[in-house]
Amino acid sequence: MEALIWETAEELDKNLALRVRKIRKRRKISQQKLADLSGVSYGSIKRFETSGQISLLALTKIAMALDMADELRNIFSQVPYRNIQEVINESR
């Protein structure tokens, strides 16, 4: 049985962008300063924070600049098995 999806991909992206924005503001880093630290353009950071749209490479650079790279490294590391078939398939 498939799990119900409560948010769209776009909503998930936008919520991620809002969390990154909160972290940036908590650390008192302006969008321009984050652009300088990460090497991601100011426009890309502004677009990400308002729409959630960003490339994976740019998101990685932002995470590194905010000292959050471990969160990306661990993003799919603790995924539980959905059923016994996945366990069997992995052991092959």
N, C-alpha and C. Protein backbone atom coordinates (compact mmCIF):
# COMPACT_ATOMS: atom_id res chain seq x y z
N MET A 1 0.84 -1.19 0.00
CA MET A 1 0.00 0.00 0.00
C MET A 1 0.88 1.25 0.00
N GLU A 2 0.59 2.16 -0.88
CA GLU A 2 1.34 3.40 -0.99
C GLU A 2 0.98 4.35 0.15
N ALA A 3 1.97 5.05 0.66
CA ALA A 3 1.72 6.06 1.68
C ALA A 3 1.07 7.27 1.04
N LEU A 4 0.21 7.92 1.78
CA LEU A 4 -0.43 9.13 1.27
C LEU A 4 0.56 10.28 1.28
N ILE A 5 0.54 11.06 0.22
CA ILE A 5 1.42 12.22 0.12
C ILE A 5 0.59 13.43 0.51
N TRP A 6 1.03 14.11 1.56
CA TRP A 6 0.25 15.22 2.09
C TRP A 6 0.65 16.57 1.51
N GLU A 7 1.77 16.61 0.80
CA GLU A 7 2.18 17.86 0.19
C GLU A 7 2.75 17.57 -1.20
N THR A 8 2.65 18.56 -2.05
CA THR A 8 3.20 18.41 -3.41
C THR A 8 4.71 18.58 -3.35
N ALA A 9 5.36 18.23 -4.43
CA ALA A 9 6.81 18.43 -4.52
C ALA A 9 7.15 19.91 -4.38
N GLU A 10 6.33 20.76 -4.97
CA GLU A 10 6.56 22.19 -4.89
C GLU A 10 6.43 22.70 -3.45
N GLU A 11 5.45 22.18 -2.73
CA GLU A 11 5.28 22.57 -1.33
C GLU A 11 6.45 22.08 -0.47
N LEU A 12 6.90 20.88 -0.74
CA LEU A 12 8.05 20.35 -0.01
C LEU A 12 9.28 21.21 -0.25
N ASP A 13 9.51 21.59 -1.51
CA ASP A 13 10.65 22.46 -1.85
C ASP A 13 10.54 23.81 -1.15
N LYS A 14 9.35 24.38 -1.16
CA LYS A 14 9.17 25.69 -0.54
C LYS A 14 9.37 25.61 0.97
N ASN A 15 8.91 24.54 1.59
CA ASN A 15 9.11 24.37 3.03
C ASN A 15 10.59 24.21 3.37
N LEU A 16 11.32 23.50 2.52
CA LEU A 16 12.77 23.38 2.71
C LEU A 16 13.43 24.75 2.61
N ALA A 17 13.02 25.53 1.62
CA ALA A 17 13.58 26.87 1.45
C ALA A 17 13.29 27.75 2.67
N LEU A 18 12.10 27.62 3.23
CA LEU A 18 11.76 28.41 4.42
C LEU A 18 12.63 28.01 5.60
N ARG A 19 12.91 26.72 5.75
CA ARG A 19 13.79 26.28 6.84
C ARG A 19 15.20 26.82 6.66
N VAL A 20 15.71 26.78 5.43
CA VAL A 20 17.05 27.31 5.16
C VAL A 20 17.07 28.82 5.43
N ARG A 21 16.03 29.51 5.04
CA ARG A 21 15.94 30.96 5.28
C ARG A 21 15.98 31.26 6.77
N LYS A 22 15.23 30.50 7.57
CA LYS A 22 15.22 30.70 9.02
C LYS A 22 16.61 30.50 9.61
N ILE A 23 17.32 29.50 9.13
CA ILE A 23 18.68 29.26 9.61
C ILE A 23 19.59 30.42 9.23
N ARG A 24 19.47 30.88 7.99
CA ARG A 24 20.28 32.02 7.54
C ARG A 24 20.03 33.24 8.42
N LYS A 25 18.76 33.52 8.68
CA LYS A 25 18.42 34.69 9.49
C LYS A 25 18.86 34.51 10.94
N ARG A 26 18.73 33.30 11.49
CA ARG A 26 19.17 33.04 12.86
C ARG A 26 20.65 33.33 13.01
N ARG A 27 21.41 33.04 11.94
CA ARG A 27 22.85 33.27 11.97
C ARG A 27 23.22 34.68 11.54
N LYS A 28 22.19 35.50 11.28
CA LYS A 28 22.37 36.91 10.91
C LYS A 28 23.24 37.06 9.66
N ILE A 29 22.90 36.26 8.65
CA ILE A 29 23.60 36.32 7.37
C ILE A 29 22.61 36.84 6.33
N SER A 30 22.98 37.88 5.64
CA SER A 30 22.12 38.44 4.59
C SER A 30 22.15 37.51 3.37
N GLN A 31 21.20 37.70 2.48
CA GLN A 31 21.20 36.92 1.24
C GLN A 31 22.47 37.20 0.45
N GLN A 32 22.90 38.45 0.42
CA GLN A 32 24.12 38.79 -0.32
C GLN A 32 25.34 38.14 0.31
N LYS A 33 25.41 38.15 1.62
CA LYS A 33 26.54 37.51 2.31
C LYS A 33 26.55 36.01 2.05
N LEU A 34 25.37 35.38 2.06
CA LEU A 34 25.28 33.96 1.76
C LEU A 34 25.72 33.69 0.32
N ALA A 35 25.38 34.58 -0.58
CA ALA A 35 25.83 34.44 -1.97
C ALA A 35 27.35 34.49 -2.03
N ASP A 36 27.93 35.42 -1.31
CA ASP A 36 29.39 35.54 -1.28
C ASP A 36 30.05 34.31 -0.66
N LEU A 37 29.48 33.82 0.44
CA LEU A 37 30.06 32.66 1.13
C LEU A 37 29.93 31.37 0.33
N SER A 38 28.82 31.23 -0.39
CA SER A 38 28.52 29.97 -1.06
C SER A 38 28.96 29.92 -2.53
N GLY A 39 29.10 31.07 -3.14
CA GLY A 39 29.39 31.09 -4.57
C GLY A 39 28.14 30.92 -5.41
N VAL A 40 26.98 30.97 -4.78
CA VAL A 40 25.69 30.90 -5.48
C VAL A 40 25.23 32.34 -5.68
N SER A 41 24.71 32.64 -6.85
CA SER A 41 24.33 34.03 -7.13
C SER A 41 23.23 34.51 -6.17
N TYR A 42 23.26 35.81 -5.94
CA TYR A 42 22.25 36.45 -5.09
C TYR A 42 20.85 36.16 -5.63
N GLY A 43 20.70 36.25 -6.94
CA GLY A 43 19.40 35.99 -7.57
C GLY A 43 18.91 34.58 -7.33
N SER A 44 19.81 33.62 -7.37
CA SER A 44 19.43 32.22 -7.12
C SER A 44 18.99 32.02 -5.67
N ILE A 45 19.68 32.67 -4.75
CA ILE A 45 19.31 32.55 -3.34
C ILE A 45 17.95 33.20 -3.10
N LYS A 46 17.75 34.37 -3.68
CA LYS A 46 16.47 35.07 -3.53
C LYS A 46 15.34 34.23 -4.12
N ARG A 47 15.55 33.66 -5.31
CA ARG A 47 14.53 32.82 -5.95
C ARG A 47 14.24 31.58 -5.11
N PHE A 48 15.30 30.96 -4.58
CA PHE A 48 15.13 29.78 -3.75
C PHE A 48 14.28 30.08 -2.52
N GLU A 49 14.58 31.17 -1.86
CA GLU A 49 13.84 31.49 -0.64
C GLU A 49 12.39 31.87 -0.90
N THR A 50 12.08 32.34 -2.09
CA THR A 50 10.70 32.72 -2.38
C THR A 50 9.91 31.61 -3.07
N SER A 51 10.58 30.79 -3.87
CA SER A 51 9.86 29.78 -4.65
C SER A 51 10.24 28.34 -4.33
N GLY A 52 11.39 28.15 -3.70
CA GLY A 52 11.87 26.79 -3.43
C GLY A 52 12.65 26.20 -4.60
N GLN A 53 12.81 26.94 -5.68
CA GLN A 53 13.49 26.43 -6.86
C GLN A 53 14.99 26.70 -6.78
N ILE A 54 15.77 25.61 -6.93
CA ILE A 54 17.23 25.73 -6.89
C ILE A 54 17.81 24.43 -7.43
N SER A 55 19.01 24.50 -7.96
CA SER A 55 19.68 23.28 -8.40
C SER A 55 20.24 22.55 -7.19
N LEU A 56 20.45 21.26 -7.34
CA LEU A 56 21.01 20.48 -6.24
C LEU A 56 22.41 20.98 -5.90
N LEU A 57 23.21 21.31 -6.91
CA LEU A 57 24.56 21.82 -6.66
C LEU A 57 24.52 23.12 -5.85
N ALA A 58 23.62 24.03 -6.22
CA ALA A 58 23.51 25.29 -5.48
C ALA A 58 23.03 25.05 -4.05
N LEU A 59 22.10 24.13 -3.86
CA LEU A 59 21.63 23.80 -2.51
C LEU A 59 22.78 23.23 -1.68
N THR A 60 23.59 22.40 -2.29
CA THR A 60 24.74 21.83 -1.59
C THR A 60 25.71 22.93 -1.18
N LYS A 61 25.97 23.88 -2.06
CA LYS A 61 26.87 24.99 -1.75
C LYS A 61 26.32 25.84 -0.62
N ILE A 62 25.02 26.07 -0.61
CA ILE A 62 24.39 26.84 0.46
C ILE A 62 24.50 26.09 1.77
N ALA A 63 24.23 24.80 1.74
CA ALA A 63 24.33 23.97 2.95
C ALA A 63 25.75 24.00 3.51
N MET A 64 26.73 23.93 2.64
CA MET A 64 28.13 23.99 3.08
C MET A 64 28.45 25.35 3.69
N ALA A 65 27.98 26.41 3.08
CA ALA A 65 28.24 27.76 3.59
C ALA A 65 27.58 27.98 4.95
N LEU A 66 26.45 27.32 5.19
CA LEU A 66 25.75 27.44 6.46
C LEU A 66 26.18 26.36 7.46
N ASP A 67 27.22 25.61 7.10
CA ASP A 67 27.73 24.53 7.94
C ASP A 67 26.65 23.49 8.23
N MET A 68 25.91 23.11 7.17
CA MET A 68 24.85 22.13 7.28
C MET A 68 25.05 20.96 6.31
N ALA A 69 26.26 20.75 5.85
CA ALA A 69 26.52 19.70 4.87
C ALA A 69 26.19 18.32 5.41
N ASP A 70 26.34 18.10 6.71
CA ASP A 70 26.03 16.78 7.28
C ASP A 70 24.56 16.43 7.08
N GLU A 71 23.69 17.41 7.13
CA GLU A 71 22.27 17.15 6.92
C GLU A 71 22.04 16.61 5.52
N LEU A 72 22.75 17.15 4.53
CA LEU A 72 22.62 16.63 3.16
C LEU A 72 23.26 15.25 3.03
N ARG A 73 24.41 15.07 3.65
CA ARG A 73 25.08 13.77 3.60
C ARG A 73 24.20 12.66 4.13
N ASN A 74 23.39 12.98 5.12
CA ASN A 74 22.58 11.97 5.80
C ASN A 74 21.13 11.91 5.31
N ILE A 75 20.82 12.61 4.24
CA ILE A 75 19.43 12.75 3.83
C ILE A 75 18.71 11.42 3.56
N PHE A 76 19.37 10.44 2.98
CA PHE A 76 18.72 9.16 2.71
C PHE A 76 19.44 8.01 3.40
N SER A 77 20.20 8.30 4.43
CA SER A 77 21.01 7.26 5.06
C SER A 77 20.23 6.37 6.00
N GLN A 78 19.13 6.83 6.56
CA GLN A 78 18.37 6.05 7.52
C GLN A 78 16.95 5.77 7.01
N VAL A 79 16.84 5.38 5.77
CA VAL A 79 15.53 5.11 5.19
C VAL A 79 15.08 3.72 5.61
N PRO A 80 13.94 3.62 6.28
CA PRO A 80 13.47 2.30 6.72
C PRO A 80 12.96 1.47 5.54
N TYR A 81 13.00 0.17 5.71
CA TYR A 81 12.44 -0.72 4.69
C TYR A 81 10.93 -0.58 4.71
N ARG A 82 10.33 -0.58 3.52
CA ARG A 82 8.88 -0.48 3.43
C ARG A 82 8.21 -1.83 3.58
N ASN A 83 8.93 -2.88 3.19
CA ASN A 83 8.34 -4.22 3.29
C ASN A 83 9.46 -5.25 3.24
N ILE A 84 9.11 -6.50 3.46
CA ILE A 84 10.10 -7.58 3.50
C ILE A 84 10.77 -7.77 2.13
N GLN A 85 10.05 -7.47 1.06
CA GLN A 85 10.63 -7.63 -0.27
C GLN A 85 11.83 -6.72 -0.47
N GLU A 86 11.80 -5.53 0.07
CA GLU A 86 12.96 -4.62 -0.02
C GLU A 86 14.17 -5.21 0.71
N VAL A 87 13.94 -5.86 1.83
CA VAL A 87 15.02 -6.49 2.58
C VAL A 87 15.63 -7.61 1.74
N ILE A 88 14.77 -8.41 1.14
CA ILE A 88 15.24 -9.53 0.31
C ILE A 88 16.01 -9.01 -0.90
N ASN A 89 15.48 -7.98 -1.55
CA ASN A 89 16.12 -7.41 -2.74
C ASN A 89 17.49 -6.84 -2.43
N GLU A 90 17.64 -6.24 -1.26
CA GLU A 90 18.93 -5.64 -0.90
C GLU A 90 19.98 -6.68 -0.60
N SER A 91 19.59 -7.83 -0.10
CA SER A 91 20.56 -8.86 0.26
C SER A 91 21.05 -9.66 -0.94
N ARG A 92 20.49 -9.43 -2.09
CA ARG A 92 20.91 -10.16 -3.30
C ARG A 92 22.15 -9.57 -3.90
